[in-house]
Amino acid sequence: MAAAQFTLYLNNCNVNNAVRLALIDQGLDTCDSLLGHNDSDMKAVYRRIITPGGTMPGRGAAAGRANRGTPVSFVTEKHLRKACFFRNYMDRIQRPFVAATATLAMVQDVWDDSANLG
């Protein structure tokens, strides 16, 4: 159930399946796993997704090549940062978080309002 809500929430925020799977590999597999992470934490997660380090095996006699990870576009990164912020915001104001109703427009509105406060 929690994994399905996580998938639904990321789909609502226009995040593709490859990036969702990369987030799961990083330990972010439910909406509640976003709690407590700030913007710089999420940026660090994206760096690990994009460049996880290590090498991929080469073909034949070819040497291994650098592991390029999962590509994450700038727009997807922004959407994910906003999604994390929104999940934390809903917890902070003690409102129930419902993945089915958390649309990108709603997430964007909360993100914009927070930018106007500072």
N, C-alpha and C. Protein backbone atom coordinates (compact mmCIF):
# COMPACT_ATOMS: atom_id res chain seq x y z
N MET A 1 0.82 -1.20 0.00
CA MET A 1 0.00 0.00 0.00
C MET A 1 0.86 1.27 0.00
N ALA A 2 1.89 1.29 0.88
CA ALA A 2 2.76 2.47 0.95
C ALA A 2 3.55 2.65 -0.34
N ALA A 3 3.99 1.54 -0.92
CA ALA A 3 4.74 1.62 -2.18
C ALA A 3 3.85 2.11 -3.31
N ALA A 4 2.59 1.70 -3.30
CA ALA A 4 1.66 2.15 -4.34
C ALA A 4 1.39 3.64 -4.21
N GLN A 5 1.27 4.13 -2.98
CA GLN A 5 1.07 5.57 -2.77
C GLN A 5 2.30 6.35 -3.21
N PHE A 6 3.48 5.81 -2.93
CA PHE A 6 4.73 6.47 -3.35
C PHE A 6 4.77 6.58 -4.88
N THR A 7 4.43 5.49 -5.56
CA THR A 7 4.40 5.49 -7.02
C THR A 7 3.38 6.50 -7.53
N LEU A 8 2.19 6.51 -6.93
CA LEU A 8 1.15 7.45 -7.35
C LEU A 8 1.60 8.89 -7.14
N TYR A 9 2.21 9.18 -5.99
CA TYR A 9 2.67 10.54 -5.69
C TYR A 9 3.72 11.00 -6.70
N LEU A 10 4.68 10.13 -6.98
CA LEU A 10 5.73 10.52 -7.94
C LEU A 10 5.16 10.64 -9.36
N ASN A 11 4.20 9.80 -9.69
CA ASN A 11 3.54 9.96 -11.00
C ASN A 11 2.80 11.28 -11.08
N ASN A 12 2.13 11.67 -9.98
CA ASN A 12 1.44 12.97 -9.94
C ASN A 12 2.42 14.13 -10.11
N CYS A 13 3.66 13.93 -9.66
CA CYS A 13 4.68 14.97 -9.76
C CYS A 13 5.54 14.83 -11.01
N ASN A 14 5.10 14.05 -11.98
CA ASN A 14 5.77 13.87 -13.28
C ASN A 14 7.19 13.32 -13.15
N VAL A 15 7.35 12.31 -12.32
CA VAL A 15 8.65 11.65 -12.15
C VAL A 15 8.56 10.29 -12.84
N ASN A 16 9.53 10.02 -13.71
CA ASN A 16 9.46 8.77 -14.47
C ASN A 16 9.84 7.56 -13.62
N ASN A 17 9.54 6.38 -14.15
CA ASN A 17 9.73 5.13 -13.42
C ASN A 17 11.20 4.85 -13.11
N ALA A 18 12.10 5.17 -14.03
CA ALA A 18 13.52 4.90 -13.80
C ALA A 18 14.04 5.70 -12.60
N VAL A 19 13.62 6.92 -12.48
CA VAL A 19 14.04 7.76 -11.35
C VAL A 19 13.39 7.25 -10.06
N ARG A 20 12.14 6.81 -10.14
CA ARG A 20 11.47 6.25 -8.95
C ARG A 20 12.23 5.03 -8.45
N LEU A 21 12.64 4.15 -9.37
CA LEU A 21 13.40 2.96 -8.98
C LEU A 21 14.76 3.34 -8.39
N ALA A 22 15.39 4.39 -8.93
CA ALA A 22 16.67 4.85 -8.39
C ALA A 22 16.48 5.41 -6.97
N LEU A 23 15.37 6.08 -6.73
CA LEU A 23 15.08 6.58 -5.38
C LEU A 23 14.90 5.42 -4.40
N ILE A 24 14.23 4.37 -4.86
CA ILE A 24 14.04 3.19 -4.02
C ILE A 24 15.39 2.56 -3.69
N ASP A 25 16.29 2.53 -4.67
CA ASP A 25 17.64 2.01 -4.42
C ASP A 25 18.38 2.83 -3.37
N GLN A 26 18.04 4.10 -3.26
CA GLN A 26 18.67 4.98 -2.27
C GLN A 26 17.96 4.93 -0.92
N GLY A 27 16.92 4.11 -0.81
CA GLY A 27 16.22 3.95 0.46
C GLY A 27 14.99 4.81 0.61
N LEU A 28 14.62 5.55 -0.41
CA LEU A 28 13.42 6.37 -0.37
C LEU A 28 12.32 5.60 -1.10
N ASP A 29 11.57 4.79 -0.35
CA ASP A 29 10.61 3.90 -0.99
C ASP A 29 9.16 4.14 -0.60
N THR A 30 8.92 5.08 0.30
CA THR A 30 7.55 5.46 0.67
C THR A 30 7.49 6.98 0.79
N CYS A 31 6.28 7.49 0.84
CA CYS A 31 6.12 8.94 1.02
C CYS A 31 6.67 9.37 2.37
N ASP A 32 6.50 8.53 3.38
CA ASP A 32 7.01 8.87 4.71
C ASP A 32 8.53 8.87 4.78
N SER A 33 9.18 8.16 3.86
CA SER A 33 10.65 8.16 3.88
C SER A 33 11.21 9.52 3.44
N LEU A 34 10.37 10.37 2.88
CA LEU A 34 10.80 11.72 2.51
C LEU A 34 10.85 12.65 3.73
N LEU A 35 10.17 12.25 4.81
CA LEU A 35 10.12 13.09 6.00
C LEU A 35 11.51 13.28 6.59
N GLY A 36 11.79 14.51 7.00
CA GLY A 36 13.05 14.82 7.65
C GLY A 36 14.18 15.17 6.70
N HIS A 37 13.94 15.04 5.39
CA HIS A 37 14.98 15.39 4.43
C HIS A 37 14.77 16.82 3.95
N ASN A 38 15.83 17.61 3.98
CA ASN A 38 15.74 18.98 3.49
C ASN A 38 16.21 19.04 2.04
N ASP A 39 16.26 20.22 1.49
CA ASP A 39 16.60 20.42 0.09
C ASP A 39 18.02 19.95 -0.22
N SER A 40 18.96 20.24 0.66
CA SER A 40 20.34 19.81 0.39
C SER A 40 20.48 18.30 0.49
N ASP A 41 19.71 17.66 1.35
CA ASP A 41 19.71 16.19 1.41
C ASP A 41 19.24 15.61 0.08
N MET A 42 18.20 16.19 -0.47
CA MET A 42 17.66 15.67 -1.73
C MET A 42 18.64 15.90 -2.88
N LYS A 43 19.34 17.03 -2.86
CA LYS A 43 20.36 17.27 -3.89
C LYS A 43 21.45 16.22 -3.81
N ALA A 44 21.83 15.83 -2.59
CA ALA A 44 22.85 14.79 -2.41
C ALA A 44 22.35 13.44 -2.93
N VAL A 45 21.07 13.16 -2.75
CA VAL A 45 20.49 11.92 -3.28
C VAL A 45 20.58 11.91 -4.79
N TYR A 46 20.28 13.05 -5.43
CA TYR A 46 20.33 13.11 -6.90
C TYR A 46 21.75 12.93 -7.41
N ARG A 47 22.72 13.49 -6.70
CA ARG A 47 24.11 13.29 -7.12
C ARG A 47 24.48 11.82 -7.06
N ARG A 48 24.01 11.13 -6.04
CA ARG A 48 24.30 9.69 -5.93
C ARG A 48 23.56 8.88 -7.00
N ILE A 49 22.39 9.33 -7.38
CA ILE A 49 21.65 8.63 -8.43
C ILE A 49 22.34 8.83 -9.77
N ILE A 50 22.76 10.05 -10.04
CA ILE A 50 23.37 10.38 -11.34
C ILE A 50 24.77 9.78 -11.46
N THR A 51 25.56 9.87 -10.41
CA THR A 51 26.93 9.34 -10.43
C THR A 51 27.15 8.48 -9.19
N PRO A 52 26.70 7.23 -9.23
CA PRO A 52 26.82 6.38 -8.05
C PRO A 52 28.23 5.91 -7.76
N GLY A 53 29.13 6.06 -8.72
CA GLY A 53 30.51 5.60 -8.52
C GLY A 53 30.67 4.15 -8.93
N GLY A 54 31.87 3.69 -8.89
CA GLY A 54 32.15 2.33 -9.29
C GLY A 54 32.26 2.20 -10.80
N THR A 55 32.41 0.96 -11.24
CA THR A 55 32.53 0.71 -12.67
C THR A 55 31.54 -0.35 -13.10
N MET A 56 31.17 -0.26 -14.36
CA MET A 56 30.32 -1.25 -15.00
C MET A 56 31.25 -2.21 -15.73
N PRO A 57 30.92 -3.47 -15.79
CA PRO A 57 31.81 -4.40 -16.49
C PRO A 57 31.91 -4.07 -17.98
N GLY A 58 33.11 -4.25 -18.53
CA GLY A 58 33.31 -4.02 -19.95
C GLY A 58 32.94 -5.25 -20.75
N ARG A 59 32.95 -5.14 -22.07
CA ARG A 59 32.64 -6.27 -22.93
C ARG A 59 33.93 -6.88 -23.45
N GLY A 60 34.01 -8.16 -23.37
CA GLY A 60 35.18 -8.84 -23.90
C GLY A 60 36.45 -8.41 -23.16
N ALA A 61 37.45 -7.99 -23.95
CA ALA A 61 38.73 -7.57 -23.38
C ALA A 61 38.71 -6.12 -22.93
N ALA A 62 37.63 -5.42 -23.20
CA ALA A 62 37.55 -4.00 -22.84
C ALA A 62 37.50 -3.85 -21.32
N ALA A 63 38.14 -2.83 -20.85
CA ALA A 63 38.13 -2.54 -19.42
C ALA A 63 36.75 -2.03 -19.01
N GLY A 64 36.49 -2.05 -17.73
CA GLY A 64 35.23 -1.53 -17.22
C GLY A 64 35.10 -0.04 -17.50
N ARG A 65 33.88 0.42 -17.48
CA ARG A 65 33.64 1.84 -17.72
C ARG A 65 32.93 2.42 -16.49
N ALA A 66 32.99 3.72 -16.37
CA ALA A 66 32.39 4.38 -15.21
C ALA A 66 30.88 4.16 -15.18
N ASN A 67 30.36 3.96 -14.01
CA ASN A 67 28.93 3.79 -13.83
C ASN A 67 28.27 5.16 -13.91
N ARG A 68 27.48 5.38 -14.94
CA ARG A 68 26.84 6.68 -15.15
C ARG A 68 25.54 6.84 -14.38
N GLY A 69 25.04 5.79 -13.79
CA GLY A 69 23.83 5.89 -12.98
C GLY A 69 22.59 6.12 -13.81
N THR A 70 21.60 6.71 -13.18
CA THR A 70 20.31 6.99 -13.82
C THR A 70 20.24 8.47 -14.14
N PRO A 71 19.97 8.82 -15.40
CA PRO A 71 19.86 10.24 -15.72
C PRO A 71 18.62 10.87 -15.07
N VAL A 72 18.83 12.03 -14.48
CA VAL A 72 17.74 12.79 -13.87
C VAL A 72 17.78 14.19 -14.47
N SER A 73 16.72 14.55 -15.17
CA SER A 73 16.70 15.88 -15.80
C SER A 73 16.55 16.96 -14.74
N PHE A 74 16.89 18.18 -15.13
CA PHE A 74 16.76 19.32 -14.22
C PHE A 74 15.32 19.49 -13.76
N VAL A 75 14.38 19.35 -14.67
CA VAL A 75 12.96 19.52 -14.34
C VAL A 75 12.52 18.43 -13.36
N THR A 76 12.94 17.20 -13.60
CA THR A 76 12.58 16.11 -12.69
C THR A 76 13.16 16.35 -11.31
N GLU A 77 14.40 16.82 -11.25
CA GLU A 77 15.01 17.13 -9.96
C GLU A 77 14.21 18.19 -9.21
N LYS A 78 13.80 19.23 -9.91
CA LYS A 78 12.99 20.29 -9.27
C LYS A 78 11.67 19.73 -8.76
N HIS A 79 11.03 18.88 -9.57
CA HIS A 79 9.76 18.29 -9.15
C HIS A 79 9.95 17.41 -7.90
N LEU A 80 11.04 16.66 -7.85
CA LEU A 80 11.30 15.81 -6.70
C LEU A 80 11.60 16.64 -5.45
N ARG A 81 12.35 17.71 -5.61
CA ARG A 81 12.63 18.58 -4.47
C ARG A 81 11.34 19.19 -3.93
N LYS A 82 10.47 19.59 -4.84
CA LYS A 82 9.17 20.15 -4.43
C LYS A 82 8.31 19.09 -3.75
N ALA A 83 8.34 17.86 -4.27
CA ALA A 83 7.56 16.77 -3.69
C ALA A 83 8.02 16.48 -2.28
N CYS A 84 9.31 16.46 -2.05
CA CYS A 84 9.86 16.24 -0.71
C CYS A 84 9.46 17.38 0.22
N PHE A 85 9.57 18.60 -0.26
CA PHE A 85 9.20 19.76 0.54
C PHE A 85 7.73 19.68 0.93
N PHE A 86 6.88 19.34 -0.03
CA PHE A 86 5.43 19.28 0.22
C PHE A 86 5.11 18.22 1.26
N ARG A 87 5.76 17.05 1.17
CA ARG A 87 5.49 15.98 2.15
C ARG A 87 5.89 16.45 3.55
N ASN A 88 7.02 17.11 3.68
CA ASN A 88 7.44 17.64 4.97
C ASN A 88 6.52 18.75 5.45
N TYR A 89 6.07 19.58 4.53
CA TYR A 89 5.15 20.68 4.87
C TYR A 89 3.85 20.14 5.45
N MET A 90 3.29 19.12 4.81
CA MET A 90 2.03 18.56 5.30
C MET A 90 2.21 17.96 6.70
N ASP A 91 3.35 17.38 6.97
CA ASP A 91 3.63 16.84 8.30
C ASP A 91 3.79 17.98 9.31
N ARG A 92 4.48 19.04 8.89
CA ARG A 92 4.75 20.17 9.78
C ARG A 92 3.47 20.89 10.19
N ILE A 93 2.51 21.02 9.27
CA ILE A 93 1.25 21.70 9.61
C ILE A 93 0.20 20.73 10.14
N GLN A 94 0.60 19.47 10.33
CA GLN A 94 -0.24 18.44 10.92
C GLN A 94 -1.53 18.21 10.14
N ARG A 95 -1.36 18.11 8.83
CA ARG A 95 -2.49 17.78 7.95
C ARG A 95 -2.23 16.41 7.36
N PRO A 96 -3.28 15.65 7.11
CA PRO A 96 -3.07 14.33 6.53
C PRO A 96 -2.52 14.44 5.11
N PHE A 97 -1.58 13.57 4.80
CA PHE A 97 -1.02 13.54 3.45
C PHE A 97 -1.74 12.44 2.67
N VAL A 98 -2.34 12.83 1.55
CA VAL A 98 -3.04 11.89 0.69
C VAL A 98 -2.39 11.96 -0.68
N ALA A 99 -1.69 10.90 -1.05
CA ALA A 99 -0.93 10.89 -2.30
C ALA A 99 -1.83 11.10 -3.51
N ALA A 100 -3.04 10.58 -3.46
CA ALA A 100 -3.95 10.67 -4.61
C ALA A 100 -4.37 12.11 -4.91
N THR A 101 -4.41 12.94 -3.91
CA THR A 101 -4.85 14.32 -4.12
C THR A 101 -3.69 15.32 -4.21
N ALA A 102 -2.48 14.85 -4.00
CA ALA A 102 -1.30 15.73 -4.05
C ALA A 102 -0.83 15.85 -5.49
N THR A 103 -1.36 16.83 -6.18
CA THR A 103 -1.01 17.04 -7.58
C THR A 103 0.20 17.96 -7.69
N LEU A 104 0.78 17.98 -8.88
CA LEU A 104 1.93 18.86 -9.11
C LEU A 104 1.54 20.32 -8.92
N ALA A 105 0.34 20.69 -9.32
CA ALA A 105 -0.12 22.08 -9.15
C ALA A 105 -0.18 22.45 -7.67
N MET A 106 -0.68 21.55 -6.84
CA MET A 106 -0.76 21.81 -5.40
C MET A 106 0.64 21.90 -4.79
N VAL A 107 1.50 20.99 -5.18
CA VAL A 107 2.88 20.99 -4.71
C VAL A 107 3.57 22.29 -5.12
N GLN A 108 3.37 22.71 -6.36
CA GLN A 108 3.96 23.95 -6.88
C GLN A 108 3.46 25.17 -6.10
N ASP A 109 2.17 25.20 -5.79
CA ASP A 109 1.62 26.32 -5.03
C ASP A 109 2.26 26.45 -3.66
N VAL A 110 2.44 25.33 -2.97
CA VAL A 110 3.06 25.36 -1.64
C VAL A 110 4.52 25.79 -1.76
N TRP A 111 5.22 25.29 -2.78
CA TRP A 111 6.62 25.66 -3.01
C TRP A 111 6.72 27.17 -3.27
N ASP A 112 5.85 27.71 -4.13
CA ASP A 112 5.87 29.14 -4.44
C ASP A 112 5.56 29.98 -3.21
N ASP A 113 4.57 29.54 -2.41
CA ASP A 113 4.23 30.29 -1.20
C ASP A 113 5.40 30.33 -0.22
N SER A 114 6.12 29.23 -0.10
CA SER A 114 7.26 29.21 0.82
C SER A 114 8.38 30.12 0.34
N ALA A 115 8.54 30.22 -0.97
CA ALA A 115 9.59 31.10 -1.52
C ALA A 115 9.25 32.57 -1.26
N ASN A 116 7.97 32.90 -1.21
CA ASN A 116 7.54 34.27 -0.96
C ASN A 116 7.67 34.67 0.50
N LEU A 117 7.76 33.68 1.39
CA LEU A 117 7.87 33.98 2.82
C LEU A 117 9.29 34.42 3.20
N GLY A 118 10.28 33.89 2.47
CA GLY A 118 11.68 34.16 2.84
C GLY A 118 12.21 35.27 2.13
